[in-house]
């Protein structure tokens, strides 16, 4: 497969990832989600402004836009694993740096979940989500859970593929998540990070 096709696939992955579902869901309700809360277009900010169901919808759409395009990339048998991994980060980059909003998008967590599901399968991600939800219900700190669990990505990717490029790819994913959560890290260190309480979601 030529470099032209690989570049084209990466661009396609980027634009699929850049679809701002959280923003679009907000616009349906005549709300610009970028003007609320953290200004982020991801599911967490959708939850804070619109509630649980819109947040689940936004997170699911962000999940599947990465899941399906990465499944497509991995279906090409004539592409080496290293190139597949490089292509796989394109929807994550699109989500975090969408051209439509001056490259200011979401934090990439739901799309990263989609990436992991495409690579490891549904059994893995169900277990991952169960652990994620349990820890969230205990701590109520979504950012802390995202940061902590992302540390496992280099290890599980390296163990799965048993290659150095997979390890590097995992480190890149972890670094990306930590970078997008840099403001959350500052608030966590100061002890004033926003907490998530699901039983208050529908309380007006």
N, C-alpha and C. Protein backbone atom coordinates (compact mmCIF):
# COMPACT_ATOMS: atom_id res chain seq x y z
N UNK A 1 0.85 -1.20 0.00
CA UNK A 1 0.00 0.00 0.00
C UNK A 1 0.89 1.25 0.00
N UNK A 2 0.61 2.17 -0.87
CA UNK A 2 1.47 3.32 -1.04
C UNK A 2 1.27 4.34 0.08
N UNK A 3 2.26 5.23 0.21
CA UNK A 3 2.23 6.27 1.23
C UNK A 3 1.05 7.22 1.00
N UNK A 4 0.66 7.40 -0.26
CA UNK A 4 -0.48 8.28 -0.57
C UNK A 4 -1.76 7.74 0.08
N UNK A 5 -1.96 6.43 -0.04
CA UNK A 5 -3.15 5.82 0.56
C UNK A 5 -3.11 5.92 2.08
N UNK A 6 -1.94 5.73 2.67
CA UNK A 6 -1.81 5.81 4.12
C UNK A 6 -2.12 7.22 4.62
N UNK A 7 -1.63 8.21 3.91
CA UNK A 7 -1.93 9.60 4.26
C UNK A 7 -3.43 9.87 4.13
N UNK A 8 -4.02 9.34 3.06
CA UNK A 8 -5.46 9.51 2.84
C UNK A 8 -6.25 8.87 3.97
N UNK A 9 -5.86 7.66 4.37
CA UNK A 9 -6.55 6.98 5.47
C UNK A 9 -6.43 7.76 6.77
N UNK A 10 -5.25 8.32 7.01
CA UNK A 10 -5.04 9.10 8.22
C UNK A 10 -5.94 10.33 8.22
N UNK A 11 -6.04 10.98 7.07
CA UNK A 11 -6.90 12.17 6.96
C UNK A 11 -8.36 11.80 7.18
N UNK A 12 -8.77 10.67 6.60
CA UNK A 12 -10.15 10.20 6.80
C UNK A 12 -10.40 9.94 8.27
N UNK A 13 -9.45 9.24 8.93
CA UNK A 13 -9.58 8.96 10.35
C UNK A 13 -9.68 10.23 11.16
N UNK A 14 -8.88 11.24 10.79
CA UNK A 14 -8.90 12.51 11.50
C UNK A 14 -10.27 13.17 11.38
N UNK A 15 -10.82 13.23 10.18
CA UNK A 15 -12.09 13.93 9.99
C UNK A 15 -13.25 13.17 10.61
N UNK A 16 -13.19 11.84 10.60
CA UNK A 16 -14.22 11.07 11.31
C UNK A 16 -14.13 11.38 12.80
N UNK A 17 -12.92 11.38 13.34
CA UNK A 17 -12.74 11.68 14.76
C UNK A 17 -13.12 13.09 15.13
N UNK A 18 -13.07 14.01 14.18
CA UNK A 18 -13.35 15.41 14.47
C UNK A 18 -14.83 15.75 14.49
N UNK A 19 -15.69 14.78 14.17
CA UNK A 19 -17.14 15.04 14.23
C UNK A 19 -17.51 15.39 15.67
N UNK A 20 -18.00 16.61 15.93
CA UNK A 20 -18.22 17.08 17.31
C UNK A 20 -19.59 16.71 17.85
N UNK A 21 -19.77 15.45 18.19
CA UNK A 21 -21.09 14.99 18.58
C UNK A 21 -21.62 15.72 19.82
N UNK A 22 -20.76 15.98 20.80
CA UNK A 22 -21.21 16.70 21.98
C UNK A 22 -21.73 18.07 21.64
N UNK A 23 -21.03 18.76 20.76
CA UNK A 23 -21.46 20.09 20.32
C UNK A 23 -22.78 20.00 19.58
N UNK A 24 -22.92 19.02 18.68
CA UNK A 24 -24.13 18.88 17.88
C UNK A 24 -25.34 18.55 18.75
N UNK A 25 -25.13 17.72 19.77
CA UNK A 25 -26.23 17.39 20.68
C UNK A 25 -26.68 18.64 21.43
N UNK A 26 -25.70 19.46 21.83
CA UNK A 26 -26.04 20.71 22.49
C UNK A 26 -26.82 21.65 21.58
N UNK A 27 -26.43 21.72 20.31
CA UNK A 27 -27.10 22.62 19.37
C UNK A 27 -28.55 22.20 19.13
N UNK A 28 -28.81 20.89 19.21
CA UNK A 28 -30.20 20.43 19.07
C UNK A 28 -31.07 21.08 20.14
N UNK A 29 -30.48 21.31 21.32
CA UNK A 29 -31.20 21.95 22.43
C UNK A 29 -30.90 23.44 22.50
N UNK A 30 -30.36 23.98 21.40
CA UNK A 30 -30.05 25.41 21.31
C UNK A 30 -29.04 25.86 22.38
N UNK A 31 -28.10 24.98 22.68
CA UNK A 31 -27.06 25.29 23.65
C UNK A 31 -25.70 25.06 23.00
N UNK A 32 -24.84 26.05 23.10
CA UNK A 32 -23.47 25.89 22.64
C UNK A 32 -22.66 25.37 23.82
N UNK A 33 -22.35 24.08 23.80
CA UNK A 33 -21.70 23.43 24.93
C UNK A 33 -20.34 24.03 25.22
N UNK A 34 -19.75 24.70 24.23
CA UNK A 34 -18.44 25.32 24.43
C UNK A 34 -18.52 26.54 25.35
N UNK A 35 -19.73 27.07 25.52
CA UNK A 35 -19.92 28.24 26.37
C UNK A 35 -20.34 27.86 27.78
N UNK A 36 -20.34 26.55 28.07
CA UNK A 36 -20.79 26.08 29.38
C UNK A 36 -19.70 25.27 30.07
N UNK A 37 -19.70 25.31 31.37
CA UNK A 37 -18.78 24.48 32.15
C UNK A 37 -17.34 24.71 31.77
N UNK A 38 -16.67 23.62 31.41
CA UNK A 38 -15.25 23.69 31.05
C UNK A 38 -15.04 24.18 29.63
N UNK A 39 -16.13 24.26 28.84
CA UNK A 39 -16.00 24.64 27.44
C UNK A 39 -15.61 23.49 26.56
N UNK A 40 -15.47 22.31 27.14
CA UNK A 40 -15.09 21.11 26.41
C UNK A 40 -16.29 20.55 25.65
N UNK A 41 -16.04 19.90 24.49
CA UNK A 41 -17.16 19.35 23.71
C UNK A 41 -17.38 17.87 23.98
N UNK A 42 -16.70 17.34 25.00
CA UNK A 42 -16.83 15.92 25.32
C UNK A 42 -18.05 15.61 26.18
N UNK A 43 -18.22 14.32 26.47
CA UNK A 43 -19.41 13.84 27.18
C UNK A 43 -19.51 14.38 28.60
N UNK A 44 -18.38 14.57 29.27
CA UNK A 44 -18.43 15.05 30.66
C UNK A 44 -19.05 16.43 30.74
N UNK A 45 -18.67 17.31 29.84
CA UNK A 45 -19.25 18.65 29.86
C UNK A 45 -20.70 18.63 29.40
N UNK A 46 -21.03 17.72 28.48
CA UNK A 46 -22.42 17.55 28.08
C UNK A 46 -23.25 17.14 29.29
N UNK A 47 -22.72 16.24 30.08
CA UNK A 47 -23.43 15.78 31.29
C UNK A 47 -23.70 16.94 32.24
N UNK A 48 -22.70 17.79 32.46
CA UNK A 48 -22.85 18.88 33.42
C UNK A 48 -23.92 19.88 32.98
N UNK A 49 -24.08 20.05 31.68
CA UNK A 49 -25.05 21.03 31.19
C UNK A 49 -26.40 20.41 30.83
N UNK A 50 -26.39 19.21 30.26
CA UNK A 50 -27.61 18.65 29.69
C UNK A 50 -28.14 17.42 30.43
N UNK A 51 -27.29 16.76 31.23
CA UNK A 51 -27.76 15.60 31.97
C UNK A 51 -27.22 14.28 31.46
N UNK A 52 -27.71 13.21 32.05
CA UNK A 52 -27.14 11.88 31.84
C UNK A 52 -27.36 11.34 30.44
N UNK A 53 -28.60 11.34 29.97
CA UNK A 53 -28.90 10.72 28.67
C UNK A 53 -28.15 11.38 27.51
N UNK A 54 -28.15 12.71 27.41
CA UNK A 54 -27.36 13.35 26.35
C UNK A 54 -25.87 13.04 26.48
N UNK A 55 -25.38 12.93 27.72
CA UNK A 55 -23.96 12.63 27.93
C UNK A 55 -23.63 11.21 27.46
N UNK A 56 -24.51 10.27 27.77
CA UNK A 56 -24.31 8.89 27.32
C UNK A 56 -24.33 8.83 25.80
N UNK A 57 -25.25 9.56 25.19
CA UNK A 57 -25.33 9.59 23.73
C UNK A 57 -24.05 10.17 23.13
N UNK A 58 -23.59 11.29 23.67
CA UNK A 58 -22.36 11.92 23.17
C UNK A 58 -21.17 11.00 23.33
N UNK A 59 -21.04 10.39 24.51
CA UNK A 59 -19.92 9.48 24.76
C UNK A 59 -19.96 8.27 23.85
N UNK A 60 -21.16 7.73 23.62
CA UNK A 60 -21.31 6.55 22.76
C UNK A 60 -20.93 6.87 21.32
N UNK A 61 -21.37 8.02 20.84
CA UNK A 61 -21.04 8.41 19.46
C UNK A 61 -19.54 8.67 19.31
N UNK A 62 -18.93 9.30 20.31
CA UNK A 62 -17.48 9.50 20.28
C UNK A 62 -16.74 8.17 20.32
N UNK A 63 -17.29 7.22 21.06
CA UNK A 63 -16.74 5.87 21.14
C UNK A 63 -16.79 5.19 19.77
N UNK A 64 -17.96 5.19 19.16
CA UNK A 64 -18.14 4.42 17.93
C UNK A 64 -17.46 5.05 16.72
N UNK A 65 -17.30 6.37 16.72
CA UNK A 65 -16.62 6.96 15.57
C UNK A 65 -15.16 6.50 15.50
N UNK A 66 -14.55 6.26 16.66
CA UNK A 66 -13.19 5.71 16.68
C UNK A 66 -13.21 4.21 16.45
N UNK A 67 -14.16 3.53 17.06
CA UNK A 67 -14.24 2.07 16.98
C UNK A 67 -14.35 1.59 15.54
N UNK A 68 -15.27 2.14 14.77
CA UNK A 68 -15.52 1.64 13.42
C UNK A 68 -14.37 1.96 12.46
N UNK A 69 -13.81 3.17 12.56
CA UNK A 69 -12.73 3.52 11.63
C UNK A 69 -11.47 2.72 11.93
N UNK A 70 -11.23 2.42 13.22
CA UNK A 70 -10.04 1.62 13.58
C UNK A 70 -10.25 0.16 13.20
N UNK A 71 -11.46 -0.35 13.33
CA UNK A 71 -11.75 -1.69 12.82
C UNK A 71 -11.42 -1.78 11.33
N UNK A 72 -11.78 -0.73 10.61
CA UNK A 72 -11.48 -0.69 9.18
C UNK A 72 -9.97 -0.74 8.94
N UNK A 73 -9.22 0.06 9.67
CA UNK A 73 -7.77 0.08 9.49
C UNK A 73 -7.16 -1.29 9.76
N UNK A 74 -7.63 -1.97 10.80
CA UNK A 74 -7.06 -3.27 11.16
C UNK A 74 -7.53 -4.39 10.24
N UNK A 75 -8.51 -4.10 9.39
CA UNK A 75 -8.98 -5.13 8.45
C UNK A 75 -8.07 -5.25 7.23
N UNK A 76 -7.16 -4.27 7.04
CA UNK A 76 -6.25 -4.31 5.90
C UNK A 76 -5.06 -5.19 6.23
N UNK A 77 -5.02 -6.35 5.64
CA UNK A 77 -3.95 -7.30 5.94
C UNK A 77 -2.60 -6.88 5.38
N UNK A 78 -2.59 -6.01 4.39
CA UNK A 78 -1.34 -5.62 3.75
C UNK A 78 -0.69 -4.40 4.40
N UNK A 79 -1.23 -3.96 5.55
CA UNK A 79 -0.63 -2.84 6.28
C UNK A 79 0.09 -3.39 7.50
N UNK A 80 1.37 -3.10 7.68
CA UNK A 80 2.10 -3.56 8.87
C UNK A 80 1.48 -3.04 10.16
N UNK A 81 1.68 -3.75 11.26
CA UNK A 81 1.09 -3.38 12.54
C UNK A 81 1.46 -1.96 12.95
N UNK A 82 2.71 -1.58 12.78
CA UNK A 82 3.15 -0.25 13.19
C UNK A 82 2.35 0.84 12.48
N UNK A 83 2.10 0.66 11.19
CA UNK A 83 1.33 1.64 10.44
C UNK A 83 -0.14 1.64 10.87
N UNK A 84 -0.66 0.47 11.20
CA UNK A 84 -2.04 0.40 11.69
C UNK A 84 -2.18 1.17 12.99
N UNK A 85 -1.18 1.06 13.85
CA UNK A 85 -1.22 1.79 15.11
C UNK A 85 -1.15 3.29 14.88
N UNK A 86 -0.31 3.70 13.93
CA UNK A 86 -0.22 5.12 13.60
C UNK A 86 -1.55 5.63 13.06
N UNK A 87 -2.17 4.86 12.18
CA UNK A 87 -3.48 5.24 11.63
C UNK A 87 -4.53 5.30 12.74
N UNK A 88 -4.40 4.40 13.73
CA UNK A 88 -5.42 4.29 14.77
C UNK A 88 -5.50 5.51 15.66
N UNK A 89 -4.43 6.28 15.71
CA UNK A 89 -4.48 7.46 16.58
C UNK A 89 -5.13 8.65 15.87
N UNK A 90 -5.39 8.51 14.56
CA UNK A 90 -5.94 9.63 13.79
C UNK A 90 -7.31 10.10 14.30
N UNK A 91 -8.26 9.20 14.63
CA UNK A 91 -9.54 9.70 15.14
C UNK A 91 -9.41 10.34 16.52
N UNK A 92 -8.45 9.89 17.31
CA UNK A 92 -8.22 10.50 18.62
C UNK A 92 -7.73 11.93 18.44
N UNK A 93 -6.78 12.10 17.51
CA UNK A 93 -6.26 13.44 17.21
C UNK A 93 -7.38 14.33 16.68
N UNK A 94 -8.24 13.76 15.81
CA UNK A 94 -9.36 14.52 15.28
C UNK A 94 -10.31 14.99 16.36
N UNK A 95 -10.55 14.13 17.34
CA UNK A 95 -11.46 14.49 18.43
C UNK A 95 -10.86 15.59 19.31
N UNK A 96 -9.58 15.48 19.59
CA UNK A 96 -8.93 16.45 20.48
C UNK A 96 -8.65 17.77 19.77
N UNK A 97 -8.30 17.68 18.48
CA UNK A 97 -7.92 18.88 17.72
C UNK A 97 -8.78 19.03 16.47
N UNK A 98 -10.10 19.25 16.63
CA UNK A 98 -10.97 19.39 15.44
C UNK A 98 -10.73 20.70 14.72
N UNK A 99 -10.62 20.63 13.43
CA UNK A 99 -10.37 21.82 12.63
C UNK A 99 -11.53 22.81 12.73
N UNK A 100 -12.73 22.30 13.03
CA UNK A 100 -13.93 23.14 13.06
C UNK A 100 -13.91 24.15 14.21
N UNK A 101 -13.20 23.84 15.29
CA UNK A 101 -13.22 24.67 16.49
C UNK A 101 -11.82 25.17 16.86
N UNK A 102 -11.06 25.55 15.84
CA UNK A 102 -9.71 26.06 16.04
C UNK A 102 -8.85 25.07 16.83
N UNK A 103 -9.08 23.78 16.56
CA UNK A 103 -8.28 22.68 17.12
C UNK A 103 -8.46 22.56 18.64
N UNK A 104 -9.62 22.96 19.15
CA UNK A 104 -9.91 22.82 20.56
C UNK A 104 -11.13 21.91 20.71
N UNK A 105 -10.90 20.66 21.04
CA UNK A 105 -11.98 19.69 21.10
C UNK A 105 -12.12 19.03 22.46
N UNK A 106 -12.38 17.73 22.44
CA UNK A 106 -12.56 16.97 23.67
C UNK A 106 -11.26 16.41 24.20
N UNK A 107 -11.37 15.56 25.21
CA UNK A 107 -10.17 15.02 25.86
C UNK A 107 -9.79 13.64 25.34
N UNK A 108 -10.64 13.04 24.51
CA UNK A 108 -10.27 11.81 23.82
C UNK A 108 -10.47 10.52 24.58
N UNK A 109 -11.11 10.57 25.74
CA UNK A 109 -11.26 9.36 26.54
C UNK A 109 -12.23 8.37 25.90
N UNK A 110 -13.44 8.83 25.53
CA UNK A 110 -14.41 7.93 24.91
C UNK A 110 -13.89 7.37 23.60
N UNK A 111 -13.22 8.20 22.81
CA UNK A 111 -12.65 7.71 21.55
C UNK A 111 -11.51 6.72 21.81
N UNK A 112 -10.76 6.91 22.87
CA UNK A 112 -9.73 5.95 23.24
C UNK A 112 -10.34 4.63 23.65
N UNK A 113 -11.49 4.68 24.34
CA UNK A 113 -12.22 3.45 24.65
C UNK A 113 -12.61 2.72 23.36
N UNK A 114 -13.05 3.49 22.36
CA UNK A 114 -13.38 2.88 21.08
C UNK A 114 -12.18 2.23 20.43
N UNK A 115 -11.04 2.89 20.52
CA UNK A 115 -9.80 2.33 19.98
C UNK A 115 -9.46 1.01 20.66
N UNK A 116 -9.54 1.00 22.00
CA UNK A 116 -9.20 -0.21 22.75
C UNK A 116 -10.16 -1.35 22.43
N UNK A 117 -11.43 -1.03 22.23
CA UNK A 117 -12.40 -2.07 21.88
C UNK A 117 -12.12 -2.65 20.51
N UNK A 118 -11.75 -1.80 19.56
CA UNK A 118 -11.42 -2.29 18.22
C UNK A 118 -10.21 -3.22 18.26
N UNK A 119 -9.27 -2.96 19.15
CA UNK A 119 -8.05 -3.76 19.23
C UNK A 119 -8.24 -5.01 20.07
N UNK A 120 -8.86 -4.86 21.26
CA UNK A 120 -8.93 -5.96 22.22
C UNK A 120 -10.25 -6.70 22.23
N UNK A 121 -11.30 -6.10 21.71
CA UNK A 121 -12.60 -6.76 21.70
C UNK A 121 -13.50 -6.31 22.84
N UNK A 122 -14.75 -6.73 22.78
CA UNK A 122 -15.77 -6.27 23.71
C UNK A 122 -15.61 -6.82 25.11
N UNK A 123 -15.11 -8.04 25.26
CA UNK A 123 -14.93 -8.61 26.60
C UNK A 123 -13.97 -7.75 27.42
N UNK A 124 -12.90 -7.31 26.77
CA UNK A 124 -11.92 -6.48 27.46
C UNK A 124 -12.54 -5.16 27.88
N UNK A 125 -13.22 -4.49 26.96
CA UNK A 125 -13.72 -3.15 27.27
C UNK A 125 -14.84 -3.21 28.30
N UNK A 126 -15.63 -4.28 28.33
CA UNK A 126 -16.67 -4.40 29.35
C UNK A 126 -16.03 -4.49 30.73
N UNK A 127 -14.97 -5.29 30.85
CA UNK A 127 -14.24 -5.40 32.11
C UNK A 127 -13.61 -4.05 32.47
N UNK A 128 -13.02 -3.39 31.48
CA UNK A 128 -12.40 -2.09 31.69
C UNK A 128 -13.43 -1.07 32.19
N UNK A 129 -14.63 -1.06 31.57
CA UNK A 129 -15.67 -0.12 31.95
C UNK A 129 -16.22 -0.42 33.35
N UNK A 130 -16.33 -1.70 33.69
CA UNK A 130 -16.80 -2.06 35.03
C UNK A 130 -15.86 -1.50 36.09
N UNK A 131 -14.56 -1.70 35.88
CA UNK A 131 -13.56 -1.17 36.82
C UNK A 131 -13.65 0.36 36.85
N UNK A 132 -13.76 0.97 35.67
CA UNK A 132 -13.83 2.43 35.56
C UNK A 132 -15.04 2.99 36.31
N UNK A 133 -16.21 2.35 36.14
CA UNK A 133 -17.44 2.82 36.79
C UNK A 133 -17.35 2.64 38.30
N UNK A 134 -16.82 1.49 38.75
CA UNK A 134 -16.70 1.24 40.20
C UNK A 134 -15.80 2.29 40.85
N UNK A 135 -14.66 2.56 40.22
CA UNK A 135 -13.74 3.56 40.77
C UNK A 135 -14.36 4.95 40.74
N UNK A 136 -15.15 5.24 39.70
CA UNK A 136 -15.80 6.55 39.61
C UNK A 136 -16.84 6.71 40.71
N UNK A 137 -17.60 5.65 40.98
CA UNK A 137 -18.61 5.71 42.03
C UNK A 137 -17.98 5.86 43.41
N UNK A 138 -16.75 5.37 43.56
CA UNK A 138 -16.05 5.47 44.84
C UNK A 138 -15.43 6.85 45.02
N UNK A 139 -14.75 7.34 43.98
CA UNK A 139 -14.00 8.59 44.11
C UNK A 139 -14.76 9.82 43.65
N UNK A 140 -15.69 9.63 42.69
CA UNK A 140 -16.44 10.73 42.07
C UNK A 140 -15.52 11.69 41.30
N UNK A 141 -14.31 11.25 41.02
CA UNK A 141 -13.34 12.07 40.30
C UNK A 141 -13.04 11.42 38.95
N UNK A 142 -13.79 11.83 37.93
CA UNK A 142 -13.63 11.21 36.62
C UNK A 142 -12.23 11.42 36.06
N UNK A 143 -11.70 12.61 36.24
CA UNK A 143 -10.37 12.89 35.70
C UNK A 143 -9.31 12.01 36.34
N UNK A 144 -9.41 11.79 37.64
CA UNK A 144 -8.44 10.95 38.34
C UNK A 144 -8.49 9.51 37.83
N UNK A 145 -9.70 9.01 37.59
CA UNK A 145 -9.85 7.65 37.07
C UNK A 145 -9.27 7.55 35.66
N UNK A 146 -9.56 8.53 34.82
CA UNK A 146 -9.01 8.52 33.46
C UNK A 146 -7.50 8.54 33.48
N UNK A 147 -6.92 9.38 34.30
CA UNK A 147 -5.46 9.49 34.38
C UNK A 147 -4.84 8.20 34.92
N UNK A 148 -5.45 7.64 35.96
CA UNK A 148 -4.89 6.44 36.58
C UNK A 148 -4.95 5.24 35.65
N UNK A 149 -6.11 5.03 35.03
CA UNK A 149 -6.27 3.85 34.18
C UNK A 149 -5.48 3.98 32.89
N UNK A 150 -5.22 5.20 32.44
CA UNK A 150 -4.43 5.37 31.22
C UNK A 150 -3.00 4.89 31.40
N UNK A 151 -2.53 4.83 32.64
CA UNK A 151 -1.16 4.38 32.90
C UNK A 151 -0.96 2.91 32.51
N UNK A 152 -2.08 2.17 32.44
CA UNK A 152 -1.97 0.75 32.09
C UNK A 152 -1.87 0.52 30.58
N UNK A 153 -2.14 1.54 29.77
CA UNK A 153 -2.20 1.35 28.33
C UNK A 153 -0.88 0.86 27.71
N UNK A 154 0.27 1.45 28.05
CA UNK A 154 1.51 0.93 27.47
C UNK A 154 1.76 -0.53 27.79
N UNK A 155 1.40 -0.93 29.01
CA UNK A 155 1.64 -2.32 29.44
C UNK A 155 0.76 -3.29 28.69
N UNK A 156 -0.56 -3.00 28.64
CA UNK A 156 -1.47 -3.96 28.01
C UNK A 156 -1.25 -4.03 26.49
N UNK A 157 -0.91 -2.91 25.88
CA UNK A 157 -0.64 -2.93 24.44
C UNK A 157 0.64 -3.69 24.13
N UNK A 158 1.64 -3.49 24.96
CA UNK A 158 2.91 -4.21 24.76
C UNK A 158 2.72 -5.71 24.98
N UNK A 159 1.97 -6.09 26.00
CA UNK A 159 1.72 -7.51 26.26
C UNK A 159 0.89 -8.15 25.15
N UNK A 160 -0.03 -7.38 24.59
CA UNK A 160 -0.90 -7.92 23.54
C UNK A 160 -0.15 -8.14 22.24
N UNK A 161 0.60 -7.12 21.81
CA UNK A 161 1.28 -7.20 20.51
C UNK A 161 2.73 -7.67 20.63
N UNK A 162 3.30 -7.50 21.82
CA UNK A 162 4.68 -7.92 22.09
C UNK A 162 5.67 -7.29 21.11
N UNK A 163 5.50 -5.99 20.89
CA UNK A 163 6.41 -5.24 20.04
C UNK A 163 6.73 -3.90 20.68
N UNK A 164 7.89 -3.36 20.37
CA UNK A 164 8.28 -2.05 20.87
C UNK A 164 7.36 -0.95 20.33
N UNK A 165 7.00 -0.98 19.02
CA UNK A 165 6.07 0.06 18.53
C UNK A 165 4.75 0.09 19.30
N UNK A 166 4.26 -1.07 19.73
CA UNK A 166 3.02 -1.10 20.51
C UNK A 166 3.22 -0.42 21.86
N UNK A 167 4.38 -0.64 22.47
CA UNK A 167 4.70 0.02 23.73
C UNK A 167 4.77 1.54 23.54
N UNK A 168 5.43 1.96 22.48
CA UNK A 168 5.54 3.40 22.19
C UNK A 168 4.16 3.99 21.93
N UNK A 169 3.34 3.24 21.20
CA UNK A 169 1.97 3.69 20.92
C UNK A 169 1.20 3.87 22.22
N UNK A 170 1.34 2.92 23.14
CA UNK A 170 0.67 3.02 24.43
C UNK A 170 1.14 4.23 25.22
N UNK A 171 2.44 4.49 25.18
CA UNK A 171 2.99 5.66 25.87
C UNK A 171 2.42 6.95 25.26
N UNK A 172 2.29 6.97 23.94
CA UNK A 172 1.72 8.14 23.26
C UNK A 172 0.28 8.36 23.67
N UNK A 173 -0.50 7.28 23.77
CA UNK A 173 -1.90 7.40 24.20
C UNK A 173 -1.99 7.94 25.62
N UNK A 174 -1.18 7.36 26.51
CA UNK A 174 -1.18 7.82 27.90
C UNK A 174 -0.78 9.28 28.00
N UNK A 175 0.27 9.64 27.28
CA UNK A 175 0.75 11.03 27.31
C UNK A 175 -0.31 11.99 26.79
N UNK A 176 -1.04 11.55 25.74
CA UNK A 176 -2.09 12.39 25.17
C UNK A 176 -3.20 12.64 26.19
N UNK A 177 -3.63 11.57 26.87
CA UNK A 177 -4.69 11.71 27.86
C UNK A 177 -4.25 12.62 29.01
N UNK A 178 -3.01 12.45 29.45
CA UNK A 178 -2.51 13.31 30.52
C UNK A 178 -2.41 14.76 30.06
N UNK A 179 -2.03 14.97 28.81
CA UNK A 179 -1.93 16.34 28.29
C UNK A 179 -3.30 17.00 28.23
N UNK A 180 -4.30 16.27 27.75
CA UNK A 180 -5.64 16.85 27.65
C UNK A 180 -6.27 17.08 29.02
N UNK A 181 -5.74 16.41 30.04
CA UNK A 181 -6.24 16.58 31.40
C UNK A 181 -5.34 17.50 32.24
N UNK A 182 -4.51 18.29 31.60
CA UNK A 182 -3.53 19.09 32.35
C UNK A 182 -4.20 20.07 33.32
N UNK A 183 -5.34 20.66 32.92
CA UNK A 183 -6.04 21.56 33.84
C UNK A 183 -6.65 20.78 35.00
N UNK A 184 -7.14 19.57 34.70
CA UNK A 184 -7.68 18.72 35.76
C UNK A 184 -6.59 18.35 36.76
N UNK A 185 -5.39 18.07 36.25
CA UNK A 185 -4.27 17.73 37.13
C UNK A 185 -3.97 18.87 38.09
N UNK A 186 -4.00 20.09 37.59
CA UNK A 186 -3.76 21.26 38.45
C UNK A 186 -4.82 21.34 39.54
N UNK A 187 -6.08 21.10 39.16
CA UNK A 187 -7.15 21.16 40.16
C UNK A 187 -7.05 20.01 41.15
N UNK A 188 -6.66 18.83 40.67
CA UNK A 188 -6.48 17.70 41.58
C UNK A 188 -5.39 17.99 42.60
N UNK A 189 -4.31 18.58 42.17
CA UNK A 189 -3.20 18.90 43.08
C UNK A 189 -3.62 19.95 44.10
N UNK A 190 -4.52 20.84 43.69
CA UNK A 190 -5.01 21.87 44.60
C UNK A 190 -6.17 21.38 45.47
N UNK A 191 -6.71 20.21 45.11
CA UNK A 191 -7.81 19.64 45.88
C UNK A 191 -9.16 20.24 45.58
N UNK A 192 -9.30 20.90 44.42
CA UNK A 192 -10.59 21.50 44.08
C UNK A 192 -11.13 21.03 42.74
N UNK A 193 -10.82 19.79 42.38
CA UNK A 193 -11.35 19.23 41.14
C UNK A 193 -12.84 18.97 41.28
N UNK A 194 -13.59 19.20 40.19
CA UNK A 194 -15.03 18.96 40.19
C UNK A 194 -15.33 17.47 40.31
N UNK A 195 -16.32 17.14 41.12
CA UNK A 195 -16.70 15.75 41.32
C UNK A 195 -17.99 15.43 40.57
N UNK A 196 -18.18 14.15 40.31
CA UNK A 196 -19.35 13.67 39.59
C UNK A 196 -20.23 12.89 40.57
N UNK A 197 -21.49 13.31 40.68
CA UNK A 197 -22.45 12.60 41.52
C UNK A 197 -23.65 12.27 40.66
N UNK A 198 -23.77 10.98 40.29
CA UNK A 198 -24.80 10.60 39.34
C UNK A 198 -26.21 10.76 39.90
N UNK A 199 -26.35 10.65 41.21
CA UNK A 199 -27.70 10.76 41.75
C UNK A 199 -28.23 12.18 41.70
N UNK A 200 -27.37 13.14 41.31
CA UNK A 200 -27.82 14.52 41.18
C UNK A 200 -28.08 14.91 39.73
N UNK A 201 -27.89 13.97 38.84
CA UNK A 201 -27.94 14.31 37.41
C UNK A 201 -29.28 14.91 37.00
N UNK A 202 -30.36 14.33 37.47
CA UNK A 202 -31.65 14.78 37.00
C UNK A 202 -32.32 15.75 37.98
N UNK A 203 -31.55 16.17 38.95
CA UNK A 203 -32.09 17.11 39.93
C UNK A 203 -31.97 18.53 39.38
N UNK A 204 -33.02 19.24 39.31
CA UNK A 204 -33.02 20.60 38.78
C UNK A 204 -33.18 21.61 39.93
